[in-house]
Amino acid sequence: MPQSQNANANSLPQTGDTDQRGLSTIGAMLLGLSGILALFGLGERKRRDDK
C-alpha cells in the first residue's frame, strides 16, 4: 500500500461537525424559551385557582 493511501486509511472521515453548531444553538435557545414560557403559564394557572 502506498504511503498516501495508508495515511488516509488511518484518519477518520470529517463529518461536518461545525455545520451543525449553529442549528444546535438555536435549538437550545428555543428549548430554554419554551421552558420559561411554561413556567409563566403554570404560575398564572396557580393564581387563577387560588381565587
PDB file of N, CA and C in Angstrom:
ATOM      1  N   MET A   1       0.844  -1.185   0.000  1.00  0.00           N
ATOM      2  CA  MET A   1       0.000   0.000   0.000  1.00  0.00           C
ATOM      3  C   MET A   1       0.889   1.249   0.000  1.00  0.00           C
ATOM      4  N   PRO A   2       0.663   2.196  -0.906  1.00  0.00           N
ATOM      5  CA  PRO A   2       1.460   3.430  -0.916  1.00  0.00           C
ATOM      6  C   PRO A   2       1.231   4.242   0.356  1.00  0.00           C
ATOM      7  N   GLN A   3       2.173   5.124   0.639  1.00  0.00           N
ATOM      8  CA  GLN A   3       2.151   5.926   1.867  1.00  0.00           C
ATOM      9  C   GLN A   3       0.918   6.834   1.952  1.00  0.00           C
ATOM     10  N   SER A   4       0.493   7.467   0.861  1.00  0.00           N
ATOM     11  CA  SER A   4      -0.653   8.378   0.902  1.00  0.00           C
ATOM     12  C   SER A   4      -1.955   7.633   1.186  1.00  0.00           C
ATOM     13  N   GLN A   5      -2.120   6.435   0.663  1.00  0.00           N
ATOM     14  CA  GLN A   5      -3.326   5.660   0.934  1.00  0.00           C
ATOM     15  C   GLN A   5      -3.354   5.170   2.376  1.00  0.00           C
ATOM     16  N   ASN A   6      -2.201   4.845   2.951  1.00  0.00           N
ATOM     17  CA  ASN A   6      -2.128   4.390   4.331  1.00  0.00           C
ATOM     18  C   ASN A   6      -2.489   5.525   5.283  1.00  0.00           C
ATOM     19  N   ALA A   7      -2.081   6.750   4.994  1.00  0.00           N
ATOM     20  CA  ALA A   7      -2.412   7.897   5.840  1.00  0.00           C
ATOM     21  C   ALA A   7      -3.911   8.168   5.794  1.00  0.00           C
ATOM     22  N   ASN A   8      -4.533   8.036   4.631  1.00  0.00           N
ATOM     23  CA  ASN A   8      -5.978   8.229   4.503  1.00  0.00           C
ATOM     24  C   ASN A   8      -6.755   7.128   5.220  1.00  0.00           C
ATOM     25  N   ALA A   9      -6.242   5.914   5.225  1.00  0.00           N
ATOM     26  CA  ALA A   9      -6.923   4.798   5.866  1.00  0.00           C
ATOM     27  C   ALA A   9      -6.900   4.936   7.386  1.00  0.00           C
ATOM     28  N   ASN A  10      -5.873   5.583   7.936  1.00  0.00           N
ATOM     29  CA  ASN A  10      -5.743   5.720   9.386  1.00  0.00           C
ATOM     30  C   ASN A  10      -6.468   6.940   9.945  1.00  0.00           C
ATOM     31  N   SER A  11      -6.946   7.829   9.109  1.00  0.00           N
ATOM     32  CA  SER A  11      -7.628   9.026   9.608  1.00  0.00           C
ATOM     33  C   SER A  11      -9.144   8.829   9.527  1.00  0.00           C
ATOM     34  N   LEU A  12      -9.839   9.459  10.454  1.00  0.00           N
ATOM     35  CA  LEU A  12     -11.297   9.372  10.475  1.00  0.00           C
ATOM     36  C   LEU A  12     -11.898  10.348   9.472  1.00  0.00           C
ATOM     37  N   PRO A  13     -13.056  10.045   8.946  1.00  0.00           N
ATOM     38  CA  PRO A  13     -13.698  10.960   7.989  1.00  0.00           C
ATOM     39  C   PRO A  13     -14.203  12.215   8.695  1.00  0.00           C
ATOM     40  N   GLN A  14     -14.205  13.316   7.993  1.00  0.00           N
ATOM     41  CA  GLN A  14     -14.715  14.574   8.522  1.00  0.00           C
ATOM     42  C   GLN A  14     -16.235  14.559   8.379  1.00  0.00           C
ATOM     43  N   THR A  15     -16.945  14.728   9.489  1.00  0.00           N
ATOM     44  CA  THR A  15     -18.394  14.566   9.462  1.00  0.00           C
ATOM     45  C   THR A  15     -19.154  15.878   9.423  1.00  0.00           C
ATOM     46  N   GLY A  16     -18.488  17.006   9.351  1.00  0.00           N
ATOM     47  CA  GLY A  16     -19.184  18.280   9.258  1.00  0.00           C
ATOM     48  C   GLY A  16     -19.737  18.741  10.596  1.00  0.00           C
ATOM     49  N   ASP A  17     -18.996  18.578  11.657  1.00  0.00           N
ATOM     50  CA  ASP A  17     -19.439  18.944  12.999  1.00  0.00           C
ATOM     51  C   ASP A  17     -19.706  20.441  13.113  1.00  0.00           C
ATOM     52  N   THR A  18     -18.944  21.266  12.420  1.00  0.00           N
ATOM     53  CA  THR A  18     -19.106  22.711  12.530  1.00  0.00           C
ATOM     54  C   THR A  18     -20.382  23.198  11.854  1.00  0.00           C
ATOM     55  N   ASP A  19     -20.911  22.465  10.908  1.00  0.00           N
ATOM     56  CA  ASP A  19     -22.136  22.875  10.227  1.00  0.00           C
ATOM     57  C   ASP A  19     -23.346  22.805  11.149  1.00  0.00           C
ATOM     58  N   GLN A  20     -23.336  21.917  12.112  1.00  0.00           N
ATOM     59  CA  GLN A  20     -24.480  21.702  12.989  1.00  0.00           C
ATOM     60  C   GLN A  20     -24.436  22.566  14.249  1.00  0.00           C
ATOM     61  N   ARG A  21     -23.348  23.270  14.483  1.00  0.00           N
ATOM     62  CA  ARG A  21     -23.195  24.040  15.713  1.00  0.00           C
ATOM     63  C   ARG A  21     -24.239  25.151  15.818  1.00  0.00           C
ATOM     64  N   GLY A  22     -24.501  25.867  14.754  1.00  0.00           N
ATOM     65  CA  GLY A  22     -25.491  26.940  14.760  1.00  0.00           C
ATOM     66  C   GLY A  22     -26.898  26.412  14.971  1.00  0.00           C
ATOM     67  N   LEU A  23     -27.185  25.284  14.361  1.00  0.00           N
ATOM     68  CA  LEU A  23     -28.506  24.673  14.496  1.00  0.00           C
ATOM     69  C   LEU A  23     -28.752  24.195  15.919  1.00  0.00           C
ATOM     70  N   SER A  24     -27.743  23.629  16.559  1.00  0.00           N
ATOM     71  CA  SER A  24     -27.921  23.163  17.935  1.00  0.00           C
ATOM     72  C   SER A  24     -28.034  24.335  18.898  1.00  0.00           C
ATOM     73  N   THR A  25     -27.382  25.453  18.609  1.00  0.00           N
ATOM     74  CA  THR A  25     -27.507  26.643  19.447  1.00  0.00           C
ATOM     75  C   THR A  25     -28.925  27.195  19.380  1.00  0.00           C
ATOM     76  N   ILE A  26     -29.487  27.243  18.194  1.00  0.00           N
ATOM     77  CA  ILE A  26     -30.863  27.723  18.032  1.00  0.00           C
ATOM     78  C   ILE A  26     -31.834  26.782  18.751  1.00  0.00           C
ATOM     79  N   GLY A  27     -31.606  25.486  18.656  1.00  0.00           N
ATOM     80  CA  GLY A  27     -32.448  24.521  19.343  1.00  0.00           C
ATOM     81  C   GLY A  27     -32.394  24.676  20.853  1.00  0.00           C
ATOM     82  N   ALA A  28     -31.210  24.919  21.390  1.00  0.00           N
ATOM     83  CA  ALA A  28     -31.071  25.110  22.835  1.00  0.00           C
ATOM     84  C   ALA A  28     -31.770  26.385  23.284  1.00  0.00           C
ATOM     85  N   MET A  29     -31.693  27.425  22.477  1.00  0.00           N
ATOM     86  CA  MET A  29     -32.364  28.680  22.821  1.00  0.00           C
ATOM     87  C   MET A  29     -33.882  28.503  22.812  1.00  0.00           C
ATOM     88  N   LEU A  30     -34.401  27.796  21.820  1.00  0.00           N
ATOM     89  CA  LEU A  30     -35.841  27.549  21.759  1.00  0.00           C
ATOM     90  C   LEU A  30     -36.313  26.682  22.920  1.00  0.00           C
ATOM     91  N   LEU A  31     -35.501  25.725  23.313  1.00  0.00           N
ATOM     92  CA  LEU A  31     -35.847  24.880  24.443  1.00  0.00           C
ATOM     93  C   LEU A  31     -35.897  25.689  25.738  1.00  0.00           C
ATOM     94  N   GLY A  32     -34.926  26.573  25.934  1.00  0.00           N
ATOM     95  CA  GLY A  32     -34.930  27.429  27.117  1.00  0.00           C
ATOM     96  C   GLY A  32     -36.112  28.379  27.129  1.00  0.00           C
ATOM     97  N   LEU A  33     -36.424  28.950  25.983  1.00  0.00           N
ATOM     98  CA  LEU A  33     -37.559  29.868  25.892  1.00  0.00           C
ATOM     99  C   LEU A  33     -38.870  29.155  26.172  1.00  0.00           C
ATOM    100  N   SER A  34     -39.025  27.950  25.669  1.00  0.00           N
ATOM    101  CA  SER A  34     -40.263  27.219  25.938  1.00  0.00           C
ATOM    102  C   SER A  34     -40.360  26.845  27.414  1.00  0.00           C
ATOM    103  N   GLY A  35     -39.251  26.579  28.070  1.00  0.00           N
ATOM    104  CA  GLY A  35     -39.271  26.295  29.498  1.00  0.00           C
ATOM    105  C   GLY A  35     -39.689  27.505  30.313  1.00  0.00           C
ATOM    106  N   ILE A  36     -39.187  28.669  29.936  1.00  0.00           N
ATOM    107  CA  ILE A  36     -39.561  29.905  30.635  1.00  0.00           C
ATOM    108  C   ILE A  36     -41.044  30.197  30.431  1.00  0.00           C
ATOM    109  N   LEU A  37     -41.521  30.043  29.205  1.00  0.00           N
ATOM    110  CA  LEU A  37     -42.942  30.276  28.938  1.00  0.00           C
ATOM    111  C   LEU A  37     -43.824  29.279  29.683  1.00  0.00           C
ATOM    112  N   ALA A  38     -43.374  28.053  29.817  1.00  0.00           N
ATOM    113  CA  ALA A  38     -44.141  27.050  30.561  1.00  0.00           C
ATOM    114  C   ALA A  38     -44.217  27.430  32.036  1.00  0.00           C
ATOM    115  N   LEU A  39     -43.128  27.961  32.590  1.00  0.00           N
ATOM    116  CA  LEU A  39     -43.154  28.383  33.989  1.00  0.00           C
ATOM    117  C   LEU A  39     -44.140  29.524  34.205  1.00  0.00           C
ATOM    118  N   PHE A  40     -44.174  30.474  33.285  1.00  0.00           N
ATOM    119  CA  PHE A  40     -45.135  31.573  33.398  1.00  0.00           C
ATOM    120  C   PHE A  40     -46.565  31.058  33.288  1.00  0.00           C
ATOM    121  N   GLY A  41     -46.793  30.098  32.428  1.00  0.00           N
ATOM    122  CA  GLY A  41     -48.123  29.525  32.271  1.00  0.00           C
ATOM    123  C   GLY A  41     -48.584  28.795  33.523  1.00  0.00           C
ATOM    124  N   LEU A  42     -47.690  28.073  34.162  1.00  0.00           N
ATOM    125  CA  LEU A  42     -48.054  27.369  35.394  1.00  0.00           C
ATOM    126  C   LEU A  42     -48.308  28.343  36.530  1.00  0.00           C
ATOM    127  N   GLY A  43     -47.548  29.427  36.575  1.00  0.00           N
ATOM    128  CA  GLY A  43     -47.752  30.440  37.612  1.00  0.00           C
ATOM    129  C   GLY A  43     -49.098  31.118  37.474  1.00  0.00           C
ATOM    130  N   GLU A  44     -49.505  31.408  36.252  1.00  0.00           N
ATOM    131  CA  GLU A  44     -50.812  32.031  36.025  1.00  0.00           C
ATOM    132  C   GLU A  44     -51.934  31.083  36.420  1.00  0.00           C
ATOM    133  N   ARG A  45     -51.783  29.815  36.131  1.00  0.00           N
ATOM    134  CA  ARG A  45     -52.823  28.836  36.443  1.00  0.00           C
ATOM    135  C   ARG A  45     -52.983  28.719  37.966  1.00  0.00           C
ATOM    136  N   LYS A  46     -51.890  28.711  38.709  1.00  0.00           N
ATOM    137  CA  LYS A  46     -51.971  28.620  40.163  1.00  0.00           C
ATOM    138  C   LYS A  46     -52.656  29.843  40.746  1.00  0.00           C
ATOM    139  N   ARG A  47     -52.374  31.011  40.198  1.00  0.00           N
ATOM    140  CA  ARG A  47     -53.004  32.232  40.717  1.00  0.00           C
ATOM    141  C   ARG A  47     -54.500  32.234  40.449  1.00  0.00           C
ATOM    142  N   ARG A  48     -54.922  31.739  39.299  1.00  0.00           N
ATOM    143  CA  ARG A  48     -56.349  31.683  38.972  1.00  0.00           C
ATOM    144  C   ARG A  48     -57.081  30.671  39.862  1.00  0.00           C
ATOM    145  N   ASP A  49     -56.429  29.576  40.184  1.00  0.00           N
ATOM    146  CA  ASP A  49     -57.056  28.558  41.022  1.00  0.00           C
ATOM    147  C   ASP A  49     -57.203  28.999  42.473  1.00  0.00           C
ATOM    148  N   ASP A  50     -56.310  29.881  42.935  1.00  0.00           N
ATOM    149  CA  ASP A  50     -56.363  30.362  44.318  1.00  0.00           C
ATOM    150  C   ASP A  50     -57.512  31.317  44.558  1.00  0.00           C
ATOM    151  N   LYS A  51     -57.982  31.987  43.546  1.00  0.00           N
ATOM    152  CA  LYS A  51     -59.034  32.992  43.711  1.00  0.00           C
ATOM    153  C   LYS A  51     -60.380  32.388  43.976  1.00  0.00           C
TER     154      LYS A  51
END
